[in-house]
Amino acid sequence: MTGNAIQKFAQGGDDAGGARTGGGEDALAQIVRLFAPSRERSNGDNWTATLSLIQGVAKQVREMHLNAHAMVEESNRNLREARTETLAAEEQAEQYRGEAELARNRADHAEARVQALTHELHDAERRIEEADQRIAELSVWLRRVHDCMEDEFSNLTIQPLNGQRG
């Protein structure tokens, strides 16, 4: 205990675990008076009560030491658990980062594939339009040829060869 804590304890303060002197007289003054030169001591000093007070203080100090030691042990255990949890969380985060990178790569690949397929689709649509135009042109050409052939053949007449053999 620090000097201030001893004084508060001696005055019956709560910093010393709630111990009180019981007699109203300052406990520190009692202890100091016991060790003062003999002329300052009074004949009415109660060594037993003072020693009991000292034993009580020592007991409280031991209890405080044990409590402090238990708190340190618990803090160390909590610290180890926190470090373990932190490492596990960091490993999990690293795994998630790897999975996210893999997903990003897959998405990039899929996007590139979609762009390639879109380009192929536009090319196919363009070729279909060109083919449709070519079919329309050929249809017009075939109709003209058909019309021309009908005109040419409609004027022809079949004349039999009478009795002539070759």
Protein backbone atom coordinates (compact mmCIF):
# COMPACT_ATOMS: atom_id res chain seq x y z
CA MET A 1 0.00 0.00 0.00
CA THR A 2 1.19 3.52 -0.68
CA GLY A 3 1.56 6.18 2.01
CA ASN A 4 -1.77 7.76 1.05
CA ALA A 5 -3.49 4.39 1.19
CA ILE A 6 -2.02 3.72 4.65
CA GLN A 7 -3.24 7.08 5.87
CA LYS A 8 -6.71 6.48 4.47
CA PHE A 9 -6.71 3.03 6.04
CA ALA A 10 -5.59 4.44 9.34
CA GLN A 11 -8.37 7.00 9.17
CA GLY A 12 -10.90 4.29 8.43
CA GLY A 13 -11.13 5.02 4.71
CA ASP A 14 -12.51 2.54 2.18
CA ASP A 15 -9.22 2.18 0.26
CA ALA A 16 -8.04 -0.34 2.82
CA GLY A 17 -10.92 -2.69 2.45
CA GLY A 18 -13.23 -0.88 4.82
CA ALA A 19 -11.19 -1.48 8.01
CA ARG A 20 -11.89 0.86 10.86
CA THR A 21 -9.93 1.51 14.00
CA GLY A 22 -13.01 1.08 16.07
CA GLY A 23 -11.94 3.53 18.71
CA GLY A 24 -12.15 6.77 16.90
CA GLU A 25 -8.47 7.46 17.50
CA ASP A 26 -6.29 7.68 14.41
CA ALA A 27 -4.78 4.19 13.86
CA LEU A 28 -1.60 5.59 12.36
CA ALA A 29 -1.17 7.80 15.39
CA GLN A 30 -1.56 4.73 17.62
CA ILE A 31 1.09 2.81 15.71
CA VAL A 32 3.49 5.75 15.59
CA ARG A 33 3.07 6.37 19.29
CA LEU A 34 4.00 2.74 20.07
CA PHE A 35 7.36 3.17 18.38
CA ALA A 36 8.04 6.69 19.63
CA PRO A 37 10.66 7.36 22.31
CA SER A 38 9.44 6.34 25.74
CA ARG A 39 8.70 9.85 27.02
CA GLU A 40 6.13 10.39 24.22
CA ARG A 41 4.31 7.17 25.00
CA SER A 42 1.49 7.27 27.43
CA ASN A 43 0.92 4.65 30.05
CA GLY A 44 -2.49 3.89 28.62
CA ASP A 45 -1.22 2.52 25.30
CA ASN A 46 -2.92 -0.72 24.42
CA TRP A 47 -0.34 -2.93 22.74
CA THR A 48 -2.80 -5.74 22.20
CA ALA A 49 -5.28 -3.58 20.36
CA THR A 50 -2.52 -2.00 18.31
CA LEU A 51 -1.02 -5.39 17.42
CA SER A 52 -4.49 -6.64 16.50
CA LEU A 53 -4.86 -3.58 14.31
CA ILE A 54 -1.47 -4.28 12.69
CA GLN A 55 -2.46 -7.94 12.17
CA GLY A 56 -5.73 -6.81 10.60
CA VAL A 57 -3.85 -4.50 8.27
CA ALA A 58 -1.39 -7.27 7.40
CA LYS A 59 -4.27 -9.66 6.72
CA GLN A 60 -5.92 -7.12 4.46
CA VAL A 61 -2.63 -6.48 2.68
CA ARG A 62 -2.20 -10.25 2.12
CA GLU A 63 -5.78 -10.48 0.84
CA MET A 64 -5.21 -7.52 -1.44
CA HIS A 65 -1.99 -9.16 -2.67
CA LEU A 66 -3.83 -12.43 -3.36
CA ASN A 67 -6.64 -10.54 -5.08
CA ALA A 68 -4.12 -8.59 -7.15
CA HIS A 69 -2.32 -11.82 -8.05
CA ALA A 70 -5.63 -13.44 -9.05
CA MET A 71 -6.49 -10.36 -11.14
CA VAL A 72 -3.08 -10.54 -12.85
CA GLU A 73 -3.58 -14.25 -13.59
CA GLU A 74 -7.08 -13.59 -14.93
CA SER A 75 -5.80 -10.68 -17.02
CA ASN A 76 -3.03 -12.89 -18.43
CA ARG A 77 -5.55 -15.63 -19.22
CA ASN A 78 -7.85 -13.07 -20.86
CA LEU A 79 -4.89 -11.71 -22.80
CA ARG A 80 -3.94 -15.20 -24.03
CA GLU A 81 -7.56 -15.88 -25.03
CA ALA A 82 -7.77 -12.53 -26.80
CA ARG A 83 -4.54 -13.24 -28.67
CA THR A 84 -5.81 -16.68 -29.67
CA GLU A 85 -9.10 -15.19 -30.84
CA THR A 86 -7.24 -12.43 -32.68
CA LEU A 87 -5.04 -14.95 -34.49
CA ALA A 88 -8.08 -17.04 -35.40
CA ALA A 89 -9.87 -13.93 -36.66
CA GLU A 90 -6.82 -12.88 -38.68
CA GLU A 91 -6.57 -16.36 -40.22
CA GLN A 92 -10.29 -16.28 -41.02
CA ALA A 93 -9.93 -12.81 -42.53
CA GLU A 94 -6.99 -14.02 -44.64
CA GLN A 95 -9.06 -16.97 -45.83
CA TYR A 96 -11.93 -14.61 -46.68
CA ARG A 97 -9.51 -12.33 -48.54
CA GLY A 98 -8.29 -15.34 -50.55
CA GLU A 99 -11.84 -16.39 -51.32
CA ALA A 100 -12.73 -12.83 -52.28
CA GLU A 101 -9.70 -12.65 -54.58
CA LEU A 102 -10.70 -15.96 -56.17
CA ALA A 103 -14.27 -14.71 -56.62
CA ARG A 104 -12.97 -11.44 -58.09
CA ASN A 105 -10.80 -13.40 -60.55
CA ARG A 106 -13.77 -15.56 -61.50
CA ALA A 107 -15.93 -12.47 -61.97
CA ASP A 108 -13.25 -10.84 -64.13
CA HIS A 109 -12.99 -14.00 -66.22
CA ALA A 110 -16.77 -14.20 -66.53
CA GLU A 111 -16.95 -10.55 -67.52
CA ALA A 112 -14.29 -11.06 -70.18
CA ARG A 113 -16.18 -14.11 -71.45
CA VAL A 114 -19.43 -12.11 -71.55
CA GLN A 115 -17.70 -9.38 -73.54
CA ALA A 116 -16.28 -11.95 -75.97
CA LEU A 117 -19.68 -13.60 -76.37
CA THR A 118 -21.34 -10.21 -76.84
CA HIS A 119 -18.83 -9.41 -79.56
CA GLU A 120 -19.48 -12.80 -81.18
CA LEU A 121 -23.25 -12.17 -80.94
CA HIS A 122 -22.91 -8.79 -82.67
CA ASP A 123 -20.80 -10.42 -85.39
CA ALA A 124 -23.41 -13.17 -85.82
CA GLU A 125 -26.22 -10.59 -85.98
CA ARG A 126 -24.27 -8.64 -88.60
CA ARG A 127 -23.68 -11.82 -90.64
CA ILE A 128 -27.40 -12.70 -90.36
CA GLU A 129 -28.34 -9.22 -91.63
CA GLU A 130 -25.86 -9.57 -94.50
CA ALA A 131 -27.25 -13.03 -95.30
CA ASP A 132 -30.82 -11.69 -95.21
CA GLN A 133 -29.81 -8.89 -97.58
CA ARG A 134 -28.06 -11.39 -99.88
CA ILE A 135 -31.14 -13.66 -99.80
CA ALA A 136 -33.37 -10.69 -100.69
CA GLU A 137 -31.03 -9.73 -103.56
CA LEU A 138 -30.94 -13.34 -104.80
CA SER A 139 -34.70 -13.57 -104.58
CA VAL A 140 -35.06 -10.49 -106.72
CA TRP A 141 -32.49 -11.86 -109.18
CA LEU A 142 -34.24 -15.26 -109.33
CA ARG A 143 -37.60 -13.59 -109.91
CA ARG A 144 -36.10 -11.59 -112.80
CA VAL A 145 -34.53 -14.73 -114.26
CA HIS A 146 -37.84 -16.56 -113.92
CA ASP A 147 -39.72 -13.71 -115.56
CA CYS A 148 -37.18 -13.59 -118.38
CA MET A 149 -37.41 -17.34 -118.94
CA GLU A 150 -41.17 -17.22 -118.99
CA ASP A 151 -41.06 -14.48 -121.61
CA GLU A 152 -38.57 -16.40 -123.73
CA PHE A 153 -40.35 -19.74 -123.52
CA SER A 154 -43.86 -18.39 -123.91
CA ASN A 155 -43.09 -17.34 -127.49
CA LEU A 156 -41.70 -20.71 -128.47
CA THR A 157 -44.03 -23.11 -130.13
CA ILE A 158 -43.43 -26.75 -130.58
CA GLN A 159 -43.63 -27.87 -134.21
CA PRO A 160 -43.54 -31.57 -134.89
CA LEU A 161 -41.14 -32.93 -137.40
CA ASN A 162 -43.36 -34.60 -139.96
CA GLY A 163 -41.98 -37.83 -141.15
CA GLN A 164 -38.44 -36.81 -141.13
CA ARG A 165 -36.11 -39.10 -139.47
CA GLY A 166 -32.61 -38.71 -139.25
